[in-house]
Amino acid sequence: MKNETVSAAKTVLGKLLGVKPEEKLLLLTDDGKVELTQVFFLSALELGLKPILLEIPRQTGGEMPEIAAAALLDSDAALMITSGSFTHTKGRGQATEKGVRIASMPTITEEIVNTTLTADFDEVERISTLLADKLTSAAKVRVTTKLGADITFYCGGRIGLADTGKLTLPGAFGNLPAGEAMVAPIETRGDGKLVVDGVIVGFGLLDAPITVIFKDGRIQSIEGERSDELRAFISKFDDTANNVAEFGIGTNRNCHIIGNPLVDEKVYGTIHVACGNNLFMGGQQGGNMHYDMIVNMPTVYIDNECVLRDGEHIY
């Protein structure tokens, strides 16, 4: 075990999840992630905790096995270190409703642990909370970039959310690594040009920018080298995959774009605009897809206050 991996694991268990010695701690994993999960298991033992490691067959969709759902429901805190995500499953939802604290870490690797989970999460919490509060109070958000983006979304009446990584309260749930402030904009409003030059989650890293034109919160046209591919990608999902669902700002300095959705949207100094389902974050739009489009070096105005200038946080 590398020292940094053990240190990060102990940070997750002690500081972020806040597990106490008398609590039931579940480490849910599969055959693709069991080796990394064992590091968390041994780290938990070193902290004087009483972990239970449950390995299930690898899967990339659908509900979790009944034995996993039952074990999750019977826990006080849990780490889901898995190849696929169980975020939107009934088993996870029922455990959260009961008050189980859950950190979901799908597709995580040792490299991601050693970089992103060694961040200063007090700083992540401070920045994310500050920006989320600004989004809660705002009527609109405008994004521009030197590549030609200029788009405005409207969020009056919507609550800004802070993804801080700190999951110590009953029923807390989130992905690790963490680090963003986000809001679900009004789905039927939002106009302008978004120039995406980072990554589109589920679609891939971009070698050249793709321009996405929005009108009334909906994609009207797509321009760029891979525009046909992106249109084909979006067409695979419900029609709401064309509608704005989220605006977010990355707040984790230790994250870098690597083509992994667990990490990419948290990158400090980037923003992301998502389309599709946003019911899980306070929006009013369902659907079978939620994909983020990451933009580098944006200038961002929350109402009339500039909070990012060419990717630099300036508040």
C-alpha atoms as a PDB file:
ATOM      1  CA  MET A   1       0.000   0.000   0.000  1.00  0.00           C
ATOM      2  CA  LYS A   2       1.292   3.452  -0.868  1.00  0.00           C
ATOM      3  CA  ASN A   3       1.436   5.887   2.006  1.00  0.00           C
ATOM      4  CA  GLU A   4      -0.630   8.475   0.132  1.00  0.00           C
ATOM      5  CA  THR A   5      -3.354   5.899  -0.593  1.00  0.00           C
ATOM      6  CA  VAL A   6      -3.602   4.950   3.070  1.00  0.00           C
ATOM      7  CA  SER A   7      -3.582   8.602   4.118  1.00  0.00           C
ATOM      8  CA  ALA A   8      -6.350   9.453   1.641  1.00  0.00           C
ATOM      9  CA  ALA A   9      -8.389   6.440   2.773  1.00  0.00           C
ATOM     10  CA  LYS A  10      -8.135   7.557   6.387  1.00  0.00           C
ATOM     11  CA  THR A  11      -9.180  11.079   5.396  1.00  0.00           C
ATOM     12  CA  VAL A  12     -12.270   9.688   3.680  1.00  0.00           C
ATOM     13  CA  LEU A  13     -13.220   7.472   6.593  1.00  0.00           C
ATOM     14  CA  GLY A  14     -12.393   9.862   9.417  1.00  0.00           C
ATOM     15  CA  LYS A  15     -12.890  13.411   8.143  1.00  0.00           C
ATOM     16  CA  LEU A  16     -15.290  13.107   5.225  1.00  0.00           C
ATOM     17  CA  LEU A  17     -17.542  10.253   6.340  1.00  0.00           C
ATOM     18  CA  GLY A  18     -16.915  10.708  10.066  1.00  0.00           C
ATOM     19  CA  VAL A  19     -17.125   7.016  10.950  1.00  0.00           C
ATOM     20  CA  LYS A  20     -17.043   6.218  14.682  1.00  0.00           C
ATOM     21  CA  PRO A  21     -15.695   2.971  16.210  1.00  0.00           C
ATOM     22  CA  GLU A  22     -19.129   1.849  17.377  1.00  0.00           C
ATOM     23  CA  GLU A  23     -20.752   2.289  13.945  1.00  0.00           C
ATOM     24  CA  LYS A  24     -21.426  -0.321  11.280  1.00  0.00           C
ATOM     25  CA  LEU A  25     -19.249   0.484   8.275  1.00  0.00           C
ATOM     26  CA  LEU A  26     -19.931  -1.212   4.934  1.00  0.00           C
ATOM     27  CA  LEU A  27     -17.388  -1.283   2.113  1.00  0.00           C
ATOM     28  CA  LEU A  28     -19.329  -2.351  -0.984  1.00  0.00           C
ATOM     29  CA  THR A  29     -17.192  -3.365  -3.952  1.00  0.00           C
ATOM     30  CA  ASP A  30     -16.932  -5.727  -6.914  1.00  0.00           C
ATOM     31  CA  ASP A  31     -14.297  -7.899  -8.537  1.00  0.00           C
ATOM     32  CA  GLY A  32     -13.005  -4.896 -10.494  1.00  0.00           C
ATOM     33  CA  LYS A  33     -12.313  -2.743  -7.429  1.00  0.00           C
ATOM     34  CA  VAL A  34     -11.726  -5.196  -4.603  1.00  0.00           C
ATOM     35  CA  GLU A  35      -7.953  -4.646  -4.430  1.00  0.00           C
ATOM     36  CA  LEU A  36      -8.361  -0.893  -3.912  1.00  0.00           C
ATOM     37  CA  THR A  37     -11.198  -1.471  -1.458  1.00  0.00           C
ATOM     38  CA  GLN A  38      -8.923  -3.659   0.660  1.00  0.00           C
ATOM     39  CA  VAL A  39      -6.752  -0.584   1.259  1.00  0.00           C
ATOM     40  CA  PHE A  40      -9.774   1.189   2.715  1.00  0.00           C
ATOM     41  CA  PHE A  41     -10.618  -1.936   4.726  1.00  0.00           C
ATOM     42  CA  LEU A  42      -7.155  -2.147   6.298  1.00  0.00           C
ATOM     43  CA  SER A  43      -7.099   1.608   6.870  1.00  0.00           C
ATOM     44  CA  ALA A  44     -10.412   1.322   8.680  1.00  0.00           C
ATOM     45  CA  LEU A  45      -8.955  -1.362  10.939  1.00  0.00           C
ATOM     46  CA  GLU A  46      -5.989   0.887  11.722  1.00  0.00           C
ATOM     47  CA  LEU A  47      -8.453   3.607  12.758  1.00  0.00           C
ATOM     48  CA  GLY A  48     -10.125   1.221  15.168  1.00  0.00           C
ATOM     49  CA  LEU A  49     -13.263   0.853  13.065  1.00  0.00           C
ATOM     50  CA  LYS A  50     -15.251  -2.314  12.403  1.00  0.00           C
ATOM     51  CA  PRO A  51     -15.599  -2.572   8.625  1.00  0.00           C
ATOM     52  CA  ILE A  52     -17.468  -5.210   6.649  1.00  0.00           C
ATOM     53  CA  LEU A  53     -16.303  -5.758   3.065  1.00  0.00           C
ATOM     54  CA  LEU A  54     -18.938  -7.077   0.676  1.00  0.00           C
ATOM     55  CA  GLU A  55     -17.845  -8.073  -2.838  1.00  0.00           C
ATOM     56  CA  ILE A  56     -20.513  -8.459  -5.517  1.00  0.00           C
ATOM     57  CA  PRO A  57     -20.246  -9.287  -9.233  1.00  0.00           C
ATOM     58  CA  ARG A  58     -19.280  -6.357 -11.436  1.00  0.00           C
ATOM     59  CA  GLN A  59     -22.191  -4.537 -13.089  1.00  0.00           C
ATOM     60  CA  THR A  60     -22.597  -1.220 -14.893  1.00  0.00           C
ATOM     61  CA  GLY A  61     -26.339  -0.657 -14.561  1.00  0.00           C
ATOM     62  CA  GLY A  62     -29.548  -1.759 -12.915  1.00  0.00           C
ATOM     63  CA  GLU A  63     -30.390  -2.280  -9.260  1.00  0.00           C
ATOM     64  CA  MET A  64     -27.797  -3.567  -6.837  1.00  0.00           C
ATOM     65  CA  PRO A  65     -28.109  -7.214  -5.690  1.00  0.00           C
ATOM     66  CA  GLU A  66     -30.570  -7.789  -2.844  1.00  0.00           C
ATOM     67  CA  ILE A  67     -27.806  -8.800  -0.439  1.00  0.00           C
ATOM     68  CA  ALA A  68     -25.994  -5.518  -1.115  1.00  0.00           C
ATOM     69  CA  ALA A  69     -29.164  -3.461  -0.630  1.00  0.00           C
ATOM     70  CA  ALA A  70     -29.875  -5.271   2.646  1.00  0.00           C
ATOM     71  CA  ALA A  71     -26.319  -4.750   3.912  1.00  0.00           C
ATOM     72  CA  LEU A  72     -26.457  -1.066   2.967  1.00  0.00           C
ATOM     73  CA  LEU A  73     -29.753  -0.618   4.783  1.00  0.00           C
ATOM     74  CA  ASP A  74     -28.267  -2.204   7.914  1.00  0.00           C
ATOM     75  CA  SER A  75     -25.242   0.113   7.999  1.00  0.00           C
ATOM     76  CA  ASP A  76     -24.508   3.453   9.634  1.00  0.00           C
ATOM     77  CA  ALA A  77     -22.012   4.509   6.966  1.00  0.00           C
ATOM     78  CA  ALA A  78     -20.864   3.059   3.656  1.00  0.00           C
ATOM     79  CA  LEU A  79     -18.358   3.435   0.867  1.00  0.00           C
ATOM     80  CA  MET A  80     -19.420   2.154  -2.552  1.00  0.00           C
ATOM     81  CA  ILE A  81     -16.154   1.532  -4.401  1.00  0.00           C
ATOM     82  CA  THR A  82     -17.505  -0.035  -7.548  1.00  0.00           C
ATOM     83  CA  SER A  83     -17.013  -0.301 -11.309  1.00  0.00           C
ATOM     84  CA  GLY A  84     -20.507   1.054 -12.041  1.00  0.00           C
ATOM     85  CA  SER A  85     -22.647   3.588 -10.229  1.00  0.00           C
ATOM     86  CA  PHE A  86     -25.445   2.720  -7.826  1.00  0.00           C
ATOM     87  CA  THR A  87     -26.323   6.370  -7.213  1.00  0.00           C
ATOM     88  CA  HIS A  88     -29.805   6.221  -8.737  1.00  0.00           C
ATOM     89  CA  THR A  89     -30.823   2.793  -7.419  1.00  0.00           C
ATOM     90  CA  LYS A  90     -33.675   2.067  -5.031  1.00  0.00           C
ATOM     91  CA  GLY A  91     -31.284   0.366  -2.629  1.00  0.00           C
ATOM     92  CA  ARG A  92     -29.158   3.486  -2.253  1.00  0.00           C
ATOM     93  CA  GLY A  93     -32.234   5.706  -1.996  1.00  0.00           C
ATOM     94  CA  GLN A  94     -33.831   3.616   0.738  1.00  0.00           C
ATOM     95  CA  ALA A  95     -30.602   3.560   2.737  1.00  0.00           C
ATOM     96  CA  THR A  96     -30.287   7.335   2.451  1.00  0.00           C
ATOM     97  CA  GLU A  97     -33.883   7.793   3.619  1.00  0.00           C
ATOM     98  CA  LYS A  98     -33.094   5.648   6.658  1.00  0.00           C
ATOM     99  CA  GLY A  99     -30.141   7.905   7.506  1.00  0.00           C
ATOM    100  CA  VAL A 100     -27.167   5.883   6.248  1.00  0.00           C
ATOM    101  CA  ARG A 101     -24.208   8.100   5.291  1.00  0.00           C
ATOM    102  CA  ILE A 102     -22.955   7.016   1.866  1.00  0.00           C
ATOM    103  CA  ALA A 103     -19.987   7.980  -0.285  1.00  0.00           C
ATOM    104  CA  SER A 104     -20.221   6.643  -3.840  1.00  0.00           C
ATOM    105  CA  MET A 105     -16.936   6.242  -5.732  1.00  0.00           C
ATOM    106  CA  PRO A 106     -17.728   4.512  -9.042  1.00  0.00           C
ATOM    107  CA  THR A 107     -14.814   3.962 -11.465  1.00  0.00           C
ATOM    108  CA  ILE A 108     -12.324   5.316  -8.931  1.00  0.00           C
ATOM    109  CA  THR A 109      -8.699   4.250  -9.295  1.00  0.00           C
ATOM    110  CA  GLU A 110      -5.644   4.350  -7.046  1.00  0.00           C
ATOM    111  CA  GLU A 111      -4.341   7.326  -9.036  1.00  0.00           C
ATOM    112  CA  ILE A 112      -7.579   9.236  -8.486  1.00  0.00           C
ATOM    113  CA  VAL A 113      -7.454   8.433  -4.771  1.00  0.00           C
ATOM    114  CA  ASN A 114      -3.849   9.616  -4.485  1.00  0.00           C
ATOM    115  CA  THR A 115      -4.509  12.934  -6.241  1.00  0.00           C
ATOM    116  CA  THR A 116      -8.065  14.138  -5.766  1.00  0.00           C
ATOM    117  CA  LEU A 117      -8.712  12.767  -2.271  1.00  0.00           C
ATOM    118  CA  THR A 118      -5.646  14.489  -0.863  1.00  0.00           C
ATOM    119  CA  ALA A 119      -7.252  17.883  -1.488  1.00  0.00           C
ATOM    120  CA  ASP A 120      -7.819  20.452   1.249  1.00  0.00           C
ATOM    121  CA  PHE A 121     -11.486  19.669   1.841  1.00  0.00           C
ATOM    122  CA  ASP A 122     -11.886  22.548   4.264  1.00  0.00           C
ATOM    123  CA  GLU A 123     -11.061  24.822   1.325  1.00  0.00           C
ATOM    124  CA  VAL A 124     -13.330  22.820  -0.982  1.00  0.00           C
ATOM    125  CA  GLU A 125     -16.142  23.245   1.533  1.00  0.00           C
ATOM    126  CA  ARG A 126     -15.527  26.976   1.951  1.00  0.00           C
ATOM    127  CA  ILE A 127     -15.444  27.728  -1.793  1.00  0.00           C
ATOM    128  CA  SER A 128     -18.297  25.404  -2.735  1.00  0.00           C
ATOM    129  CA  THR A 129     -20.572  26.736   0.000  1.00  0.00           C
ATOM    130  CA  LEU A 130     -19.776  30.363  -0.821  1.00  0.00           C
ATOM    131  CA  LEU A 131     -20.571  29.871  -4.509  1.00  0.00           C
ATOM    132  CA  ALA A 132     -23.675  27.769  -3.803  1.00  0.00           C
ATOM    133  CA  ASP A 133     -25.031  30.560  -1.599  1.00  0.00           C
ATOM    134  CA  LYS A 134     -24.427  33.057  -4.401  1.00  0.00           C
ATOM    135  CA  LEU A 135     -26.287  30.783  -6.839  1.00  0.00           C
ATOM    136  CA  THR A 136     -29.211  30.480  -4.424  1.00  0.00           C
ATOM    137  CA  SER A 137     -29.524  34.267  -4.295  1.00  0.00           C
ATOM    138  CA  ALA A 138     -29.043  34.815  -8.024  1.00  0.00           C
ATOM    139  CA  ALA A 139     -31.537  35.420 -10.802  1.00  0.00           C
ATOM    140  CA  LYS A 140     -29.159  34.493 -13.611  1.00  0.00           C
ATOM    141  CA  VAL A 141     -25.702  33.227 -14.548  1.00  0.00           C
ATOM    142  CA  ARG A 142     -23.714  34.324 -17.582  1.00  0.00           C
ATOM    143  CA  VAL A 143     -20.692  32.495 -19.033  1.00  0.00           C
ATOM    144  CA  THR A 144     -18.248  33.845 -21.612  1.00  0.00           C
ATOM    145  CA  THR A 145     -14.913  32.520 -22.894  1.00  0.00           C
ATOM    146  CA  LYS A 146     -12.155  33.669 -25.222  1.00  0.00           C
ATOM    147  CA  LEU A 147     -13.242  30.911 -27.609  1.00  0.00           C
ATOM    148  CA  GLY A 148     -16.522  32.735 -28.170  1.00  0.00           C
ATOM    149  CA  ALA A 149     -18.941  31.324 -25.613  1.00  0.00           C
ATOM    150  CA  ASP A 150     -21.618  33.722 -24.394  1.00  0.00           C
ATOM    151  CA  ILE A 151     -24.614  32.147 -22.724  1.00  0.00           C
ATOM    152  CA  THR A 152     -27.027  33.057 -19.935  1.00  0.00           C
ATOM    153  CA  PHE A 153     -29.052  30.730 -17.721  1.00  0.00           C
ATOM    154  CA  TYR A 154     -31.738  31.686 -15.229  1.00  0.00           C
ATOM    155  CA  CYS A 155     -31.933  30.208 -11.745  1.00  0.00           C
ATOM    156  CA  GLY A 156     -34.212  32.510  -9.738  1.00  0.00           C
ATOM    157  CA  GLY A 157     -35.978  30.460  -7.086  1.00  0.00           C
ATOM    158  CA  ARG A 158     -33.651  27.454  -7.414  1.00  0.00           C
ATOM    159  CA  ILE A 159     -31.366  26.356  -4.573  1.00  0.00           C
ATOM    160  CA  GLY A 160     -27.604  26.254  -5.075  1.00  0.00           C
ATOM    161  CA  LEU A 161     -25.947  23.066  -3.841  1.00  0.00           C
ATOM    162  CA  ALA A 162     -22.446  22.628  -2.436  1.00  0.00           C
ATOM    163  CA  ASP A 163     -20.651  19.336  -3.086  1.00  0.00           C
ATOM    164  CA  THR A 164     -18.114  19.530  -0.264  1.00  0.00           C
ATOM    165  CA  GLY A 165     -17.189  15.899   0.269  1.00  0.00           C
ATOM    166  CA  LYS A 166     -18.196  16.131   3.928  1.00  0.00           C
ATOM    167  CA  LEU A 167     -20.823  13.476   4.589  1.00  0.00           C
ATOM    168  CA  THR A 168     -21.054  13.422   8.369  1.00  0.00           C
ATOM    169  CA  LEU A 169     -24.767  14.124   8.850  1.00  0.00           C
ATOM    170  CA  PRO A 170     -27.408  11.362   8.882  1.00  0.00           C
ATOM    171  CA  GLY A 171     -28.574  10.547   5.372  1.00  0.00           C
ATOM    172  CA  ALA A 172     -25.707  12.427   3.717  1.00  0.00           C
ATOM    173  CA  PHE A 173     -24.885  11.178   0.239  1.00  0.00           C
ATOM    174  CA  GLY A 174     -22.392  12.228  -2.396  1.00  0.00           C
ATOM    175  CA  ASN A 175     -19.670  11.222  -4.799  1.00  0.00           C
ATOM    176  CA  LEU A 176     -16.009  11.260  -3.888  1.00  0.00           C
ATOM    177  CA  PRO A 177     -13.921  13.013  -5.020  1.00  0.00           C
ATOM    178  CA  ALA A 178     -16.046  16.086  -4.376  1.00  0.00           C
ATOM    179  CA  GLY A 179     -15.753  19.720  -5.270  1.00  0.00           C
ATOM    180  CA  GLU A 180     -18.401  21.787  -7.003  1.00  0.00           C
ATOM    181  CA  ALA A 181     -21.142  24.352  -6.550  1.00  0.00           C
ATOM    182  CA  MET A 182     -24.178  23.722  -8.712  1.00  0.00           C
ATOM    183  CA  VAL A 183     -27.734  24.721  -9.437  1.00  0.00           C
ATOM    184  CA  ALA A 184     -30.570  23.400 -11.577  1.00  0.00           C
ATOM    185  CA  PRO A 185     -31.472  26.337 -13.865  1.00  0.00           C
ATOM    186  CA  ILE A 186     -35.008  26.923 -15.066  1.00  0.00           C
ATOM    187  CA  GLU A 187     -35.319  24.296 -17.767  1.00  0.00           C
ATOM    188  CA  THR A 188     -37.265  26.388 -20.286  1.00  0.00           C
ATOM    189  CA  ARG A 189     -34.986  29.431 -20.211  1.00  0.00           C
ATOM    190  CA  GLY A 190     -31.393  30.019 -21.259  1.00  0.00           C
ATOM    191  CA  ASP A 191     -30.006  31.410 -24.495  1.00  0.00           C
ATOM    192  CA  GLY A 192     -26.643  31.725 -26.180  1.00  0.00           C
ATOM    193  CA  LYS A 193     -23.555  29.898 -27.340  1.00  0.00           C
ATOM    194  CA  LEU A 194     -21.642  27.348 -25.251  1.00  0.00           C
ATOM    195  CA  VAL A 195     -18.181  26.441 -26.579  1.00  0.00           C
ATOM    196  CA  VAL A 196     -17.165  23.142 -25.004  1.00  0.00           C
ATOM    197  CA  ASP A 197     -13.414  22.494 -25.031  1.00  0.00           C
ATOM    198  CA  GLY A 198     -12.848  20.034 -22.203  1.00  0.00           C
ATOM    199  CA  VAL A 199     -14.872  16.854 -22.140  1.00  0.00           C
ATOM    200  CA  ILE A 200     -18.474  15.758 -22.580  1.00  0.00           C
ATOM    201  CA  VAL A 201     -19.309  13.068 -20.062  1.00  0.00           C
ATOM    202  CA  GLY A 202     -20.223   9.820 -21.792  1.00  0.00           C
ATOM    203  CA  PHE A 203     -19.088  11.205 -25.128  1.00  0.00           C
ATOM    204  CA  GLY A 204     -15.389  11.703 -24.468  1.00  0.00           C
ATOM    205  CA  LEU A 205     -12.449  14.083 -24.367  1.00  0.00           C
ATOM    206  CA  LEU A 206     -12.432  16.732 -27.067  1.00  0.00           C
ATOM    207  CA  ASP A 207      -9.521  17.356 -29.433  1.00  0.00           C
ATOM    208  CA  ALA A 208     -11.297  20.424 -30.822  1.00  0.00           C
ATOM    209  CA  PRO A 209     -14.072  22.628 -29.398  1.00  0.00           C
ATOM    210  CA  ILE A 210     -17.731  21.905 -30.071  1.00  0.00           C
ATOM    211  CA  THR A 211     -20.218  24.790 -30.135  1.00  0.00           C
ATOM    212  CA  VAL A 212     -23.686  24.161 -28.699  1.00  0.00           C
ATOM    213  CA  ILE A 213     -26.379  26.782 -29.325  1.00  0.00           C
ATOM    214  CA  PHE A 214     -29.201  27.050 -26.763  1.00  0.00           C
ATOM    215  CA  LYS A 215     -32.551  28.806 -27.094  1.00  0.00           C
ATOM    216  CA  ASP A 216     -35.160  28.770 -24.335  1.00  0.00           C
ATOM    217  CA  GLY A 217     -33.049  26.256 -22.433  1.00  0.00           C
ATOM    218  CA  ARG A 218     -32.914  23.758 -25.290  1.00  0.00           C
ATOM    219  CA  ILE A 219     -30.170  22.777 -27.723  1.00  0.00           C
ATOM    220  CA  GLN A 220     -30.987  24.284 -31.121  1.00  0.00           C
ATOM    221  CA  SER A 221     -27.852  23.383 -33.058  1.00  0.00           C
ATOM    222  CA  ILE A 222     -24.388  21.877 -32.679  1.00  0.00           C
ATOM    223  CA  GLU A 223     -21.315  22.966 -34.635  1.00  0.00           C
ATOM    224  CA  GLY A 224     -17.797  21.566 -34.822  1.00  0.00           C
ATOM    225  CA  GLU A 225     -15.728  18.629 -36.046  1.00  0.00           C
ATOM    226  CA  ARG A 226     -17.676  16.022 -34.080  1.00  0.00           C
ATOM    227  CA  SER A 227     -21.081  17.688 -34.224  1.00  0.00           C
ATOM    228  CA  ASP A 228     -22.715  14.770 -36.047  1.00  0.00           C
ATOM    229  CA  GLU A 229     -21.347  12.349 -33.464  1.00  0.00           C
ATOM    230  CA  LEU A 230     -22.651  14.451 -30.588  1.00  0.00           C
ATOM    231  CA  ARG A 231     -26.107  14.727 -32.144  1.00  0.00           C
ATOM    232  CA  ALA A 232     -26.156  10.934 -32.575  1.00  0.00           C
ATOM    233  CA  PHE A 233     -25.048  10.493 -28.958  1.00  0.00           C
ATOM    234  CA  ILE A 234     -27.825  12.744 -27.622  1.00  0.00           C
ATOM    235  CA  SER A 235     -30.452  11.074 -29.824  1.00  0.00           C
ATOM    236  CA  LYS A 236     -29.961   7.774 -27.966  1.00  0.00           C
ATOM    237  CA  PHE A 237     -31.677   9.174 -24.881  1.00  0.00           C
ATOM    238  CA  ASP A 238     -34.993  10.722 -23.887  1.00  0.00           C
ATOM    239  CA  ASP A 239     -35.831  14.046 -25.488  1.00  0.00           C
ATOM    240  CA  THR A 240     -34.969  15.877 -22.257  1.00  0.00           C
ATOM    241  CA  ALA A 241     -31.312  15.168 -23.073  1.00  0.00           C
ATOM    242  CA  ASN A 242     -31.600  18.302 -25.236  1.00  0.00           C
ATOM    243  CA  ASN A 243     -32.680  20.515 -22.328  1.00  0.00           C
ATOM    244  CA  VAL A 244     -30.496  22.322 -19.798  1.00  0.00           C
ATOM    245  CA  ALA A 245     -30.362  20.596 -16.423  1.00  0.00           C
ATOM    246  CA  GLU A 246     -27.424  21.965 -14.434  1.00  0.00           C
ATOM    247  CA  PHE A 247     -24.882  24.725 -14.160  1.00  0.00           C
ATOM    248  CA  GLY A 248     -21.834  23.963 -11.994  1.00  0.00           C
ATOM    249  CA  ILE A 249     -18.446  25.362 -11.008  1.00  0.00           C
ATOM    250  CA  GLY A 250     -15.512  23.080 -10.137  1.00  0.00           C
ATOM    251  CA  THR A 251     -13.827  23.743  -6.775  1.00  0.00           C
ATOM    252  CA  ASN A 252     -11.246  20.975  -6.236  1.00  0.00           C
ATOM    253  CA  ARG A 253      -7.698  22.154  -6.992  1.00  0.00           C
ATOM    254  CA  ASN A 254      -6.421  18.568  -7.069  1.00  0.00           C
ATOM    255  CA  CYS A 255      -8.692  17.490  -9.925  1.00  0.00           C
ATOM    256  CA  HIS A 256      -7.645  17.571 -13.567  1.00  0.00           C
ATOM    257  CA  ILE A 257      -9.548  16.571 -16.696  1.00  0.00           C
ATOM    258  CA  ILE A 258      -8.815  12.907 -17.354  1.00  0.00           C
ATOM    259  CA  GLY A 259     -11.925  11.711 -19.162  1.00  0.00           C
ATOM    260  CA  ASN A 260     -13.535  10.326 -15.996  1.00  0.00           C
ATOM    261  CA  PRO A 261     -16.869  11.904 -14.975  1.00  0.00           C
ATOM    262  CA  LEU A 262     -16.121  11.288 -11.313  1.00  0.00           C
ATOM    263  CA  VAL A 263     -13.269  13.795 -11.580  1.00  0.00           C
ATOM    264  CA  ASP A 264     -13.785  16.060 -14.593  1.00  0.00           C
ATOM    265  CA  GLU A 265     -16.676  18.196 -13.336  1.00  0.00           C
ATOM    266  CA  LYS A 266     -14.802  18.970 -10.098  1.00  0.00           C
ATOM    267  CA  VAL A 267     -11.792  20.617 -11.786  1.00  0.00           C
ATOM    268  CA  TYR A 268     -10.996  23.978 -10.192  1.00  0.00           C
ATOM    269  CA  GLY A 269     -11.446  26.875 -12.602  1.00  0.00           C
ATOM    270  CA  THR A 270     -13.840  25.087 -14.962  1.00  0.00           C
ATOM    271  CA  ILE A 271     -17.598  25.193 -15.328  1.00  0.00           C
ATOM    272  CA  HIS A 272     -19.955  22.566 -16.611  1.00  0.00           C
ATOM    273  CA  VAL A 273     -23.390  22.710 -18.163  1.00  0.00           C
ATOM    274  CA  ALA A 274     -25.424  19.521 -18.070  1.00  0.00           C
ATOM    275  CA  CYS A 275     -28.482  18.453 -20.002  1.00  0.00           C
ATOM    276  CA  GLY A 276     -31.079  15.826 -19.143  1.00  0.00           C
ATOM    277  CA  ASN A 277     -32.353  14.656 -15.770  1.00  0.00           C
ATOM    278  CA  ASN A 278     -32.081  17.069 -12.849  1.00  0.00           C
ATOM    279  CA  LEU A 279     -34.733  15.772 -10.469  1.00  0.00           C
ATOM    280  CA  PHE A 280     -32.009  14.572  -8.101  1.00  0.00           C
ATOM    281  CA  MET A 281     -30.687  18.116  -7.635  1.00  0.00           C
ATOM    282  CA  GLY A 282     -33.901  20.070  -7.221  1.00  0.00           C
ATOM    283  CA  GLY A 283     -34.927  20.490 -10.847  1.00  0.00           C
ATOM    284  CA  GLN A 284     -38.193  19.580 -12.528  1.00  0.00           C
ATOM    285  CA  GLN A 285     -36.961  17.472 -15.436  1.00  0.00           C
ATOM    286  CA  GLY A 286     -36.828  13.706 -15.664  1.00  0.00           C
ATOM    287  CA  GLY A 287     -35.180  11.504 -18.258  1.00  0.00           C
ATOM    288  CA  ASN A 288     -32.772   8.622 -18.657  1.00  0.00           C
ATOM    289  CA  MET A 289     -29.613  10.697 -19.109  1.00  0.00           C
ATOM    290  CA  HIS A 290     -27.588  13.431 -17.412  1.00  0.00           C
ATOM    291  CA  TYR A 291     -24.370  14.429 -19.159  1.00  0.00           C
ATOM    292  CA  ASP A 292     -21.990  17.274 -18.319  1.00  0.00           C
ATOM    293  CA  MET A 293     -20.140  19.484 -20.802  1.00  0.00           C
ATOM    294  CA  ILE A 294     -16.952  20.907 -19.273  1.00  0.00           C
ATOM    295  CA  VAL A 295     -15.593  24.307 -20.303  1.00  0.00           C
ATOM    296  CA  ASN A 296     -12.055  25.505 -19.548  1.00  0.00           C
ATOM    297  CA  MET A 297     -11.017  29.019 -18.501  1.00  0.00           C
ATOM    298  CA  PRO A 298     -14.509  30.570 -18.336  1.00  0.00           C
ATOM    299  CA  THR A 299     -15.520  34.011 -17.174  1.00  0.00           C
ATOM    300  CA  VAL A 300     -18.610  33.719 -14.992  1.00  0.00           C
ATOM    301  CA  TYR A 301     -21.036  36.360 -13.758  1.00  0.00           C
ATOM    302  CA  ILE A 302     -23.531  35.456 -11.035  1.00  0.00           C
ATOM    303  CA  ASP A 303     -26.021  38.247 -11.548  1.00  0.00           C
ATOM    304  CA  ASN A 304     -23.639  41.190 -12.025  1.00  0.00           C
ATOM    305  CA  GLU A 305     -20.773  39.834  -9.902  1.00  0.00           C
ATOM    306  CA  CYS A 306     -17.810  38.321 -11.728  1.00  0.00           C
ATOM    307  CA  VAL A 307     -16.741  35.241  -9.758  1.00  0.00           C
ATOM    308  CA  LEU A 308     -14.406  33.661 -12.335  1.00  0.00           C
ATOM    309  CA  ARG A 309     -12.284  35.515 -14.874  1.00  0.00           C
ATOM    310  CA  ASP A 310     -10.621  33.318 -17.479  1.00  0.00           C
ATOM    311  CA  GLY A 311     -10.716  30.418 -15.048  1.00  0.00           C
ATOM    312  CA  GLU A 312      -9.424  32.336 -12.023  1.00  0.00           C
ATOM    313  CA  HIS A 313     -11.657  32.521  -8.956  1.00  0.00           C
ATOM    314  CA  ILE A 314     -11.755  36.219  -8.013  1.00  0.00           C
ATOM    315  CA  TYR A 315     -14.477  36.703  -5.368  1.00  0.00           C
END
